[in-house]
Amino acid sequence: MKKVACFDVGGTFIKYGVVNEQGEILTKSKLHTPKKNCKKEIPEIIIQEIEKLKEYHNINSVGISTAGKVDSANGEIIFASENLPGYSGTKLSKEIRKNTGLECFVENDVNSVALAESWKGAGKGLSTFVCLTLGTGVGGAIIINNKLYKGVMGGAGEIGHMVINEKGDNCNCGSRGCFERYASTASLIRRYSMESGIPKEDLSGKDIFDRLENGDKQAVRVYKDFLNHIVTGLVNITHIFDPGLIVLGGGISAQGEPFFNDLNELFKSRVMPSYEEYTKIVQAQLGNDAGILGACYIALN
């Protein structure tokens, strides 16, 4: 049975493990992502961990899910934010193949999550759906007819930069009023901080939901706005793609059933009636394992 060394490169941690072709995670761990010179440091860390894994497992290939814009055909990082300093331009596949002798396949992290959810999670058995991750930003990926839709130049799925308010907040992409400025966990924290006067550094999404449960009026007001913004994006996605299913992952999805009940109720009140009955918004199922499972799927396929 084939075994894949799988890595999920994020701004805080590099999660990794060995996954077999049936999607069983045989071992997993994580380590801190380097904070400088990522072009050199990240490939070196991955190579070192592969060599350690090879002592205990017969590794057939390597799969990598990573933050940043990815040229998956060549296994290169086209662009990465300052969360991964110096990472842009990293030739991951080439470096790992040269130093380990193993074929290496690389994909963007949200695309990897979508593929994992299609293989083993909330999208299993469905040919078409959209996947969103709501975290510090908003990531998106589109599965159509069992394939990841990437667009002409590989840039499809930037749902976080769909404009929902043309006179809205400036976004770090250079535009303004982008979806992620209103529908990310970071935006929820920012808005509550402005309302309450509590420094955003002292808040988390969980803090705000805890205050919401306790009836905090500011939390209730901010949450209603936040929910409304998310639904604006979901309605737009539905009217464009008619996906039948939208899978939500990221930190906010951990709020579970009450959050998704609120979301679906508001969604049904705003989407065109013809979509209302068969379009569902559901929680991603794979949690922190989605990245390495997606990395495995990429390597196998």
C-alpha atoms as a PDB file:
ATOM      1  CA  MET A   1       0.000   0.000   0.000  1.00  0.00           C
ATOM      2  CA  LYS A   2       1.347   3.420  -0.975  1.00  0.00           C
ATOM      3  CA  LYS A   3       2.419   5.796   1.757  1.00  0.00           C
ATOM      4  CA  VAL A   4       2.780   9.553   1.368  1.00  0.00           C
ATOM      5  CA  ALA A   5       4.817  11.952   3.507  1.00  0.00           C
ATOM      6  CA  CYS A   6       2.382  14.860   3.906  1.00  0.00           C
ATOM      7  CA  PHE A   7       3.044  18.444   4.993  1.00  0.00           C
ATOM      8  CA  ASP A   8       0.704  21.347   5.741  1.00  0.00           C
ATOM      9  CA  VAL A   9       2.667  24.613   5.793  1.00  0.00           C
ATOM     10  CA  GLY A  10       0.959  27.461   7.636  1.00  0.00           C
ATOM     11  CA  GLY A  11       2.057  30.751   9.129  1.00  0.00           C
ATOM     12  CA  THR A  12       2.288  29.320  12.661  1.00  0.00           C
ATOM     13  CA  PHE A  13       2.873  25.582  12.303  1.00  0.00           C
ATOM     14  CA  ILE A  14       4.071  23.027   9.791  1.00  0.00           C
ATOM     15  CA  LYS A  15       1.892  19.981  10.395  1.00  0.00           C
ATOM     16  CA  TYR A  16       3.130  16.715   8.929  1.00  0.00           C
ATOM     17  CA  GLY A  17       2.592  12.990   8.922  1.00  0.00           C
ATOM     18  CA  VAL A  18       2.378   9.795   6.920  1.00  0.00           C
ATOM     19  CA  VAL A  19      -0.908   8.920   5.224  1.00  0.00           C
ATOM     20  CA  ASN A  20      -1.685   5.779   3.243  1.00  0.00           C
ATOM     21  CA  GLU A  21      -3.675   5.572   0.019  1.00  0.00           C
ATOM     22  CA  GLN A  22      -6.871   4.824   1.929  1.00  0.00           C
ATOM     23  CA  GLY A  23      -6.574   8.128   3.772  1.00  0.00           C
ATOM     24  CA  GLU A  24      -5.511   6.616   7.094  1.00  0.00           C
ATOM     25  CA  ILE A  25      -3.143   8.840   9.058  1.00  0.00           C
ATOM     26  CA  LEU A  26      -0.405   6.544  10.345  1.00  0.00           C
ATOM     27  CA  THR A  27       1.535   9.173  12.273  1.00  0.00           C
ATOM     28  CA  LYS A  28       1.391  12.936  12.642  1.00  0.00           C
ATOM     29  CA  SER A  29       3.095  15.800  14.430  1.00  0.00           C
ATOM     30  CA  LYS A  30       3.819  19.508  14.025  1.00  0.00           C
ATOM     31  CA  LEU A  31       6.565  22.058  14.533  1.00  0.00           C
ATOM     32  CA  HIS A  32       6.792  25.832  14.476  1.00  0.00           C
ATOM     33  CA  THR A  33       7.091  27.548  11.102  1.00  0.00           C
ATOM     34  CA  PRO A  34      10.305  29.581  10.784  1.00  0.00           C
ATOM     35  CA  LYS A  35       9.905  33.345  11.026  1.00  0.00           C
ATOM     36  CA  LYS A  36      12.651  34.320   8.583  1.00  0.00           C
ATOM     37  CA  ASN A  37      14.323  33.155   5.373  1.00  0.00           C
ATOM     38  CA  CYS A  38      11.487  30.721   4.607  1.00  0.00           C
ATOM     39  CA  LYS A  39      12.776  30.032   1.091  1.00  0.00           C
ATOM     40  CA  LYS A  40      15.747  28.243   2.665  1.00  0.00           C
ATOM     41  CA  GLU A  41      14.360  27.143   6.015  1.00  0.00           C
ATOM     42  CA  ILE A  42      11.058  25.516   5.017  1.00  0.00           C
ATOM     43  CA  PRO A  43      12.489  23.122   2.372  1.00  0.00           C
ATOM     44  CA  GLU A  44      15.282  22.186   4.784  1.00  0.00           C
ATOM     45  CA  ILE A  45      12.799  21.393   7.569  1.00  0.00           C
ATOM     46  CA  ILE A  46      10.641  19.308   5.227  1.00  0.00           C
ATOM     47  CA  ILE A  47      13.650  17.395   3.898  1.00  0.00           C
ATOM     48  CA  GLN A  48      14.874  16.656   7.437  1.00  0.00           C
ATOM     49  CA  GLU A  49      11.467  15.368   8.506  1.00  0.00           C
ATOM     50  CA  ILE A  50      11.114  13.217   5.380  1.00  0.00           C
ATOM     51  CA  GLU A  51      14.425  11.531   6.164  1.00  0.00           C
ATOM     52  CA  LYS A  52      13.234  10.808   9.718  1.00  0.00           C
ATOM     53  CA  LEU A  53       9.912   9.417   8.458  1.00  0.00           C
ATOM     54  CA  LYS A  54      11.738   7.183   5.961  1.00  0.00           C
ATOM     55  CA  GLU A  55      13.387   5.374   8.881  1.00  0.00           C
ATOM     56  CA  TYR A  56      10.002   3.956   9.920  1.00  0.00           C
ATOM     57  CA  HIS A  57       7.914   4.027   6.731  1.00  0.00           C
ATOM     58  CA  ASN A  58       8.377   3.067   3.102  1.00  0.00           C
ATOM     59  CA  ILE A  59       7.537   6.493   1.626  1.00  0.00           C
ATOM     60  CA  ASN A  60       6.429   6.546  -2.027  1.00  0.00           C
ATOM     61  CA  SER A  61       5.963  10.289  -2.582  1.00  0.00           C
ATOM     62  CA  VAL A  62       5.553  13.671  -0.898  1.00  0.00           C
ATOM     63  CA  GLY A  63       2.490  15.935  -0.829  1.00  0.00           C
ATOM     64  CA  ILE A  64       2.535  19.516   0.413  1.00  0.00           C
ATOM     65  CA  SER A  65      -0.371  21.805   1.226  1.00  0.00           C
ATOM     66  CA  THR A  66       0.891  25.341   1.711  1.00  0.00           C
ATOM     67  CA  ALA A  67      -0.191  28.906   2.324  1.00  0.00           C
ATOM     68  CA  GLY A  68       0.483  31.258  -0.578  1.00  0.00           C
ATOM     69  CA  LYS A  69      -0.241  31.345  -4.278  1.00  0.00           C
ATOM     70  CA  VAL A  70       1.086  28.144  -5.818  1.00  0.00           C
ATOM     71  CA  ASP A  71       2.170  27.059  -9.294  1.00  0.00           C
ATOM     72  CA  SER A  72       1.118  23.454  -8.730  1.00  0.00           C
ATOM     73  CA  ALA A  73       2.358  22.275 -12.137  1.00  0.00           C
ATOM     74  CA  ASN A  74       5.930  23.154 -11.126  1.00  0.00           C
ATOM     75  CA  GLY A  75       5.605  22.946  -7.358  1.00  0.00           C
ATOM     76  CA  GLU A  76       6.657  26.560  -6.802  1.00  0.00           C
ATOM     77  CA  ILE A  77       5.465  29.329  -4.503  1.00  0.00           C
ATOM     78  CA  ILE A  78       4.490  32.270  -6.697  1.00  0.00           C
ATOM     79  CA  PHE A  79       3.669  34.608  -3.835  1.00  0.00           C
ATOM     80  CA  ALA A  80       3.387  34.456  -0.047  1.00  0.00           C
ATOM     81  CA  SER A  81       2.524  37.131   2.501  1.00  0.00           C
ATOM     82  CA  GLU A  82       4.787  38.344   5.279  1.00  0.00           C
ATOM     83  CA  ASN A  83       3.419  35.571   7.488  1.00  0.00           C
ATOM     84  CA  LEU A  84       6.037  33.493   5.629  1.00  0.00           C
ATOM     85  CA  PRO A  85       8.948  35.930   5.116  1.00  0.00           C
ATOM     86  CA  GLY A  86      10.996  35.316   1.990  1.00  0.00           C
ATOM     87  CA  TYR A  87       8.884  32.326   0.923  1.00  0.00           C
ATOM     88  CA  SER A  88       7.883  33.713  -2.497  1.00  0.00           C
ATOM     89  CA  GLY A  89       9.768  31.991  -5.304  1.00  0.00           C
ATOM     90  CA  THR A  90      10.530  28.801  -3.360  1.00  0.00           C
ATOM     91  CA  LYS A  91      10.924  25.825  -5.710  1.00  0.00           C
ATOM     92  CA  LEU A  92       9.580  23.257  -3.276  1.00  0.00           C
ATOM     93  CA  SER A  93       9.152  20.281  -5.593  1.00  0.00           C
ATOM     94  CA  LYS A  94      12.576  20.711  -7.160  1.00  0.00           C
ATOM     95  CA  GLU A  95      14.395  21.030  -3.820  1.00  0.00           C
ATOM     96  CA  ILE A  96      12.660  18.074  -2.221  1.00  0.00           C
ATOM     97  CA  ARG A  97      13.009  15.826  -5.254  1.00  0.00           C
ATOM     98  CA  LYS A  98      16.718  16.671  -5.499  1.00  0.00           C
ATOM     99  CA  ASN A  99      17.415  15.978  -1.830  1.00  0.00           C
ATOM    100  CA  THR A 100      15.169  12.980  -1.116  1.00  0.00           C
ATOM    101  CA  GLY A 101      14.747  11.266  -4.481  1.00  0.00           C
ATOM    102  CA  LEU A 102      10.966  11.364  -4.046  1.00  0.00           C
ATOM    103  CA  GLU A 103       8.402  12.940  -6.332  1.00  0.00           C
ATOM    104  CA  CYS A 104       6.821  15.933  -4.651  1.00  0.00           C
ATOM    105  CA  PHE A 105       3.448  17.568  -5.354  1.00  0.00           C
ATOM    106  CA  VAL A 106       2.422  20.999  -4.051  1.00  0.00           C
ATOM    107  CA  GLU A 107      -0.942  22.754  -3.798  1.00  0.00           C
ATOM    108  CA  ASN A 108      -2.427  25.841  -2.159  1.00  0.00           C
ATOM    109  CA  ASP A 109      -3.797  25.190   1.332  1.00  0.00           C
ATOM    110  CA  VAL A 110      -7.462  26.008   0.686  1.00  0.00           C
ATOM    111  CA  ASN A 111      -7.450  23.943  -2.517  1.00  0.00           C
ATOM    112  CA  SER A 112      -5.992  21.111  -0.449  1.00  0.00           C
ATOM    113  CA  VAL A 113      -8.746  21.439   2.159  1.00  0.00           C
ATOM    114  CA  ALA A 114     -11.383  21.294  -0.579  1.00  0.00           C
ATOM    115  CA  LEU A 115      -9.828  18.170  -2.090  1.00  0.00           C
ATOM    116  CA  ALA A 116      -9.612  16.544   1.337  1.00  0.00           C
ATOM    117  CA  GLU A 117     -13.267  17.342   2.086  1.00  0.00           C
ATOM    118  CA  SER A 118     -14.172  15.924  -1.329  1.00  0.00           C
ATOM    119  CA  TRP A 119     -12.217  12.737  -0.622  1.00  0.00           C
ATOM    120  CA  LYS A 120     -12.967  12.068   3.037  1.00  0.00           C
ATOM    121  CA  GLY A 121     -15.160  14.838   4.418  1.00  0.00           C
ATOM    122  CA  ALA A 122     -18.285  16.914   3.964  1.00  0.00           C
ATOM    123  CA  GLY A 123     -18.136  16.820   0.153  1.00  0.00           C
ATOM    124  CA  LYS A 124     -17.628  13.070  -0.165  1.00  0.00           C
ATOM    125  CA  GLY A 125     -19.750  11.617  -2.947  1.00  0.00           C
ATOM    126  CA  LEU A 126     -20.591  15.024  -4.429  1.00  0.00           C
ATOM    127  CA  SER A 127     -19.275  16.176  -7.793  1.00  0.00           C
ATOM    128  CA  THR A 128     -19.690  19.910  -7.215  1.00  0.00           C
ATOM    129  CA  PHE A 129     -19.350  22.192  -4.186  1.00  0.00           C
ATOM    130  CA  VAL A 130     -17.565  25.317  -2.946  1.00  0.00           C
ATOM    131  CA  CYS A 131     -15.245  25.320   0.064  1.00  0.00           C
ATOM    132  CA  LEU A 132     -14.531  28.397   2.187  1.00  0.00           C
ATOM    133  CA  THR A 133     -12.175  28.832   5.116  1.00  0.00           C
ATOM    134  CA  LEU A 134     -12.978  31.679   7.490  1.00  0.00           C
ATOM    135  CA  GLY A 135      -9.929  32.551   9.550  1.00  0.00           C
ATOM    136  CA  THR A 136      -7.526  35.483   9.576  1.00  0.00           C
ATOM    137  CA  GLY A 137      -8.663  35.951   5.981  1.00  0.00           C
ATOM    138  CA  VAL A 138     -11.177  34.171   3.765  1.00  0.00           C
ATOM    139  CA  GLY A 139      -9.960  31.455   1.419  1.00  0.00           C
ATOM    140  CA  GLY A 140     -11.946  29.725  -1.284  1.00  0.00           C
ATOM    141  CA  ALA A 141     -11.808  26.704  -3.566  1.00  0.00           C
ATOM    142  CA  ILE A 142     -14.234  25.403  -6.174  1.00  0.00           C
ATOM    143  CA  ILE A 143     -14.888  21.769  -7.088  1.00  0.00           C
ATOM    144  CA  ILE A 144     -16.796  21.279 -10.354  1.00  0.00           C
ATOM    145  CA  ASN A 145     -17.484  17.820 -11.802  1.00  0.00           C
ATOM    146  CA  ASN A 146     -15.033  16.233  -9.326  1.00  0.00           C
ATOM    147  CA  LYS A 147     -12.185  18.551 -10.352  1.00  0.00           C
ATOM    148  CA  LEU A 148     -10.608  21.574  -8.745  1.00  0.00           C
ATOM    149  CA  TYR A 149     -11.517  24.593 -10.853  1.00  0.00           C
ATOM    150  CA  LYS A 150      -8.476  26.852 -11.134  1.00  0.00           C
ATOM    151  CA  GLY A 151      -9.340  29.274 -13.916  1.00  0.00           C
ATOM    152  CA  VAL A 152      -7.166  30.317 -16.856  1.00  0.00           C
ATOM    153  CA  MET A 153      -4.064  31.293 -14.868  1.00  0.00           C
ATOM    154  CA  GLY A 154      -4.653  29.238 -11.722  1.00  0.00           C
ATOM    155  CA  GLY A 155      -6.133  32.124  -9.764  1.00  0.00           C
ATOM    156  CA  ALA A 156      -9.764  31.011  -9.362  1.00  0.00           C
ATOM    157  CA  GLY A 157     -11.234  30.782  -5.889  1.00  0.00           C
ATOM    158  CA  GLU A 158     -10.107  34.137  -4.460  1.00  0.00           C
ATOM    159  CA  ILE A 159     -13.531  34.481  -2.899  1.00  0.00           C
ATOM    160  CA  GLY A 160     -12.149  36.521  -0.024  1.00  0.00           C
ATOM    161  CA  HIS A 161     -11.473  39.329  -2.490  1.00  0.00           C
ATOM    162  CA  MET A 162     -14.960  39.431  -3.941  1.00  0.00           C
ATOM    163  CA  VAL A 163     -16.101  43.022  -3.366  1.00  0.00           C
ATOM    164  CA  ILE A 164     -19.259  43.318  -1.264  1.00  0.00           C
ATOM    165  CA  ASN A 165     -18.969  47.045  -0.452  1.00  0.00           C
ATOM    166  CA  GLU A 166     -17.386  49.241  -3.112  1.00  0.00           C
ATOM    167  CA  LYS A 167     -16.933  52.087  -0.602  1.00  0.00           C
ATOM    168  CA  GLY A 168     -15.814  49.811   2.196  1.00  0.00           C
ATOM    169  CA  ASP A 169     -12.645  49.169   4.158  1.00  0.00           C
ATOM    170  CA  ASN A 170      -9.298  49.084   2.397  1.00  0.00           C
ATOM    171  CA  CYS A 171      -7.969  45.569   1.833  1.00  0.00           C
ATOM    172  CA  ASN A 172      -4.342  44.454   1.722  1.00  0.00           C
ATOM    173  CA  CYS A 173      -4.946  43.179  -1.826  1.00  0.00           C
ATOM    174  CA  GLY A 174      -5.142  46.825  -2.964  1.00  0.00           C
ATOM    175  CA  SER A 175      -8.909  46.913  -3.380  1.00  0.00           C
ATOM    176  CA  ARG A 176     -11.560  47.937  -0.874  1.00  0.00           C
ATOM    177  CA  GLY A 177     -14.720  46.423   0.528  1.00  0.00           C
ATOM    178  CA  CYS A 178     -13.505  42.842   0.050  1.00  0.00           C
ATOM    179  CA  PHE A 179     -15.486  39.954   1.531  1.00  0.00           C
ATOM    180  CA  GLU A 180     -12.671  39.008   3.909  1.00  0.00           C
ATOM    181  CA  ARG A 181     -12.691  42.517   5.431  1.00  0.00           C
ATOM    182  CA  TYR A 182     -16.176  41.704   6.742  1.00  0.00           C
ATOM    183  CA  ALA A 183     -16.460  37.920   6.988  1.00  0.00           C
ATOM    184  CA  SER A 184     -13.142  36.756   8.487  1.00  0.00           C
ATOM    185  CA  THR A 185     -12.514  36.006  12.148  1.00  0.00           C
ATOM    186  CA  ALA A 186     -10.062  38.920  12.105  1.00  0.00           C
ATOM    187  CA  SER A 187     -12.862  41.254  10.962  1.00  0.00           C
ATOM    188  CA  LEU A 188     -15.146  40.009  13.765  1.00  0.00           C
ATOM    189  CA  ILE A 189     -12.431  40.735  16.322  1.00  0.00           C
ATOM    190  CA  ARG A 190     -11.668  44.135  14.788  1.00  0.00           C
ATOM    191  CA  ARG A 191     -15.318  45.224  14.815  1.00  0.00           C
ATOM    192  CA  TYR A 192     -15.887  44.076  18.393  1.00  0.00           C
ATOM    193  CA  SER A 193     -12.707  45.844  19.501  1.00  0.00           C
ATOM    194  CA  MET A 194     -13.976  49.086  17.951  1.00  0.00           C
ATOM    195  CA  GLU A 195     -17.363  48.695  19.666  1.00  0.00           C
ATOM    196  CA  SER A 196     -16.058  47.685  23.085  1.00  0.00           C
ATOM    197  CA  GLY A 197     -12.745  49.516  23.330  1.00  0.00           C
ATOM    198  CA  ILE A 198     -10.974  46.244  24.213  1.00  0.00           C
ATOM    199  CA  PRO A 199      -7.657  45.970  22.298  1.00  0.00           C
ATOM    200  CA  LYS A 200      -7.994  43.420  19.521  1.00  0.00           C
ATOM    201  CA  GLU A 201      -4.753  41.794  20.702  1.00  0.00           C
ATOM    202  CA  ASP A 202      -6.642  40.784  23.852  1.00  0.00           C
ATOM    203  CA  LEU A 203      -9.520  39.138  21.958  1.00  0.00           C
ATOM    204  CA  SER A 204     -10.148  35.926  20.067  1.00  0.00           C
ATOM    205  CA  GLY A 205     -13.131  34.723  18.089  1.00  0.00           C
ATOM    206  CA  LYS A 206     -13.978  32.377  20.976  1.00  0.00           C
ATOM    207  CA  ASP A 207     -13.983  35.307  23.427  1.00  0.00           C
ATOM    208  CA  ILE A 208     -16.602  37.079  21.343  1.00  0.00           C
ATOM    209  CA  PHE A 209     -18.806  33.993  21.016  1.00  0.00           C
ATOM    210  CA  ASP A 210     -18.539  33.469  24.779  1.00  0.00           C
ATOM    211  CA  ARG A 211     -19.706  37.058  25.307  1.00  0.00           C
ATOM    212  CA  LEU A 212     -22.491  36.461  22.789  1.00  0.00           C
ATOM    213  CA  GLU A 213     -23.759  33.469  24.805  1.00  0.00           C
ATOM    214  CA  ASN A 214     -23.741  35.658  27.923  1.00  0.00           C
ATOM    215  CA  GLY A 215     -25.950  38.247  26.223  1.00  0.00           C
ATOM    216  CA  ASP A 216     -23.321  40.960  25.729  1.00  0.00           C
ATOM    217  CA  LYS A 217     -25.220  43.592  23.688  1.00  0.00           C
ATOM    218  CA  GLN A 218     -22.140  44.698  21.744  1.00  0.00           C
ATOM    219  CA  ALA A 219     -21.332  41.087  20.888  1.00  0.00           C
ATOM    220  CA  VAL A 220     -24.917  40.493  19.730  1.00  0.00           C
ATOM    221  CA  ARG A 221     -24.834  43.569  17.471  1.00  0.00           C
ATOM    222  CA  VAL A 222     -21.421  42.745  15.992  1.00  0.00           C
ATOM    223  CA  TYR A 223     -22.382  39.084  15.478  1.00  0.00           C
ATOM    224  CA  LYS A 224     -25.553  39.994  13.565  1.00  0.00           C
ATOM    225  CA  ASP A 225     -23.557  42.255  11.235  1.00  0.00           C
ATOM    226  CA  PHE A 226     -20.885  39.581  10.846  1.00  0.00           C
ATOM    227  CA  LEU A 227     -23.476  36.913   9.993  1.00  0.00           C
ATOM    228  CA  ASN A 228     -25.128  39.217   7.490  1.00  0.00           C
ATOM    229  CA  HIS A 229     -21.813  39.874   5.721  1.00  0.00           C
ATOM    230  CA  ILE A 230     -21.029  36.150   5.503  1.00  0.00           C
ATOM    231  CA  VAL A 231     -24.457  35.455   4.020  1.00  0.00           C
ATOM    232  CA  THR A 232     -23.982  38.224   1.434  1.00  0.00           C
ATOM    233  CA  GLY A 233     -20.954  36.321   0.167  1.00  0.00           C
ATOM    234  CA  LEU A 234     -22.695  32.944   0.309  1.00  0.00           C
ATOM    235  CA  VAL A 235     -25.672  34.262  -1.661  1.00  0.00           C
ATOM    236  CA  ASN A 236     -23.345  35.689  -4.323  1.00  0.00           C
ATOM    237  CA  ILE A 237     -21.475  32.383  -4.574  1.00  0.00           C
ATOM    238  CA  THR A 238     -24.748  30.475  -4.881  1.00  0.00           C
ATOM    239  CA  HIS A 239     -26.142  32.722  -7.602  1.00  0.00           C
ATOM    240  CA  ILE A 240     -22.911  32.406  -9.618  1.00  0.00           C
ATOM    241  CA  PHE A 241     -22.063  28.707  -9.187  1.00  0.00           C
ATOM    242  CA  ASP A 242     -25.269  26.986  -8.012  1.00  0.00           C
ATOM    243  CA  PRO A 243     -23.062  24.526  -6.101  1.00  0.00           C
ATOM    244  CA  GLY A 244     -25.755  22.850  -3.977  1.00  0.00           C
ATOM    245  CA  LEU A 245     -23.284  22.699  -1.083  1.00  0.00           C
ATOM    246  CA  ILE A 246     -20.959  25.228   0.521  1.00  0.00           C
ATOM    247  CA  VAL A 247     -18.489  23.772   3.038  1.00  0.00           C
ATOM    248  CA  LEU A 248     -17.208  26.186   5.690  1.00  0.00           C
ATOM    249  CA  GLY A 249     -13.957  25.525   7.512  1.00  0.00           C
ATOM    250  CA  GLY A 250     -11.517  27.616   9.502  1.00  0.00           C
ATOM    251  CA  GLY A 251     -11.658  28.625  13.138  1.00  0.00           C
ATOM    252  CA  ILE A 252     -15.170  30.039  13.037  1.00  0.00           C
ATOM    253  CA  SER A 253     -16.640  26.708  11.933  1.00  0.00           C
ATOM    254  CA  ALA A 254     -15.759  25.288  15.358  1.00  0.00           C
ATOM    255  CA  GLN A 255     -18.816  27.132  16.725  1.00  0.00           C
ATOM    256  CA  GLY A 256     -20.795  24.207  15.366  1.00  0.00           C
ATOM    257  CA  GLU A 257     -24.542  23.683  15.135  1.00  0.00           C
ATOM    258  CA  PRO A 258     -25.890  26.988  16.586  1.00  0.00           C
ATOM    259  CA  PHE A 259     -23.742  29.026  14.202  1.00  0.00           C
ATOM    260  CA  PHE A 260     -24.689  26.926  11.175  1.00  0.00           C
ATOM    261  CA  ASN A 261     -28.375  27.043  12.106  1.00  0.00           C
ATOM    262  CA  ASP A 262     -28.218  30.858  12.222  1.00  0.00           C
ATOM    263  CA  LEU A 263     -26.312  30.917   8.949  1.00  0.00           C
ATOM    264  CA  ASN A 264     -28.694  28.631   7.055  1.00  0.00           C
ATOM    265  CA  GLU A 265     -31.777  30.420   8.354  1.00  0.00           C
ATOM    266  CA  LEU A 266     -30.527  33.827   7.220  1.00  0.00           C
ATOM    267  CA  PHE A 267     -29.222  32.380   3.945  1.00  0.00           C
ATOM    268  CA  LYS A 268     -32.629  30.931   3.072  1.00  0.00           C
ATOM    269  CA  SER A 269     -34.293  34.275   3.743  1.00  0.00           C
ATOM    270  CA  ARG A 270     -31.984  36.068   1.301  1.00  0.00           C
ATOM    271  CA  VAL A 271     -31.110  33.666  -1.513  1.00  0.00           C
ATOM    272  CA  MET A 272     -33.379  33.474  -4.574  1.00  0.00           C
ATOM    273  CA  PRO A 273     -36.247  31.060  -3.817  1.00  0.00           C
ATOM    274  CA  SER A 274     -35.235  28.632  -6.564  1.00  0.00           C
ATOM    275  CA  TYR A 275     -31.997  27.847  -4.643  1.00  0.00           C
ATOM    276  CA  GLU A 276     -33.470  27.793  -1.173  1.00  0.00           C
ATOM    277  CA  GLU A 277     -34.547  24.195  -0.768  1.00  0.00           C
ATOM    278  CA  TYR A 278     -31.518  22.332  -2.053  1.00  0.00           C
ATOM    279  CA  THR A 279     -28.536  24.575  -1.183  1.00  0.00           C
ATOM    280  CA  LYS A 280     -26.910  23.779   2.160  1.00  0.00           C
ATOM    281  CA  ILE A 281     -24.157  25.432   4.184  1.00  0.00           C
ATOM    282  CA  VAL A 282     -22.330  22.799   6.236  1.00  0.00           C
ATOM    283  CA  GLN A 283     -19.376  22.520   8.581  1.00  0.00           C
ATOM    284  CA  ALA A 284     -16.105  21.108   7.265  1.00  0.00           C
ATOM    285  CA  GLN A 285     -15.499  17.698   8.830  1.00  0.00           C
ATOM    286  CA  LEU A 286     -11.748  17.152   8.797  1.00  0.00           C
ATOM    287  CA  GLY A 287     -10.522  19.928  11.091  1.00  0.00           C
ATOM    288  CA  ASN A 288      -6.770  20.179  11.569  1.00  0.00           C
ATOM    289  CA  ASP A 289      -6.175  17.025   9.518  1.00  0.00           C
ATOM    290  CA  ALA A 290      -7.605  18.528   6.313  1.00  0.00           C
ATOM    291  CA  GLY A 291      -4.260  19.916   5.129  1.00  0.00           C
ATOM    292  CA  ILE A 292      -2.289  16.687   5.367  1.00  0.00           C
ATOM    293  CA  LEU A 293      -5.152  14.632   3.936  1.00  0.00           C
ATOM    294  CA  GLY A 294      -5.382  17.076   1.023  1.00  0.00           C
ATOM    295  CA  ALA A 295      -1.629  16.811   0.549  1.00  0.00           C
ATOM    296  CA  CYS A 296      -1.974  13.036   0.372  1.00  0.00           C
ATOM    297  CA  TYR A 297      -4.777  13.252  -2.191  1.00  0.00           C
ATOM    298  CA  ILE A 298      -2.643  15.564  -4.355  1.00  0.00           C
ATOM    299  CA  ALA A 299       0.283  13.167  -4.311  1.00  0.00           C
ATOM    300  CA  LEU A 300      -1.890  10.137  -5.101  1.00  0.00           C
ATOM    301  CA  ASN A 301      -3.763  11.836  -7.948  1.00  0.00           C
END
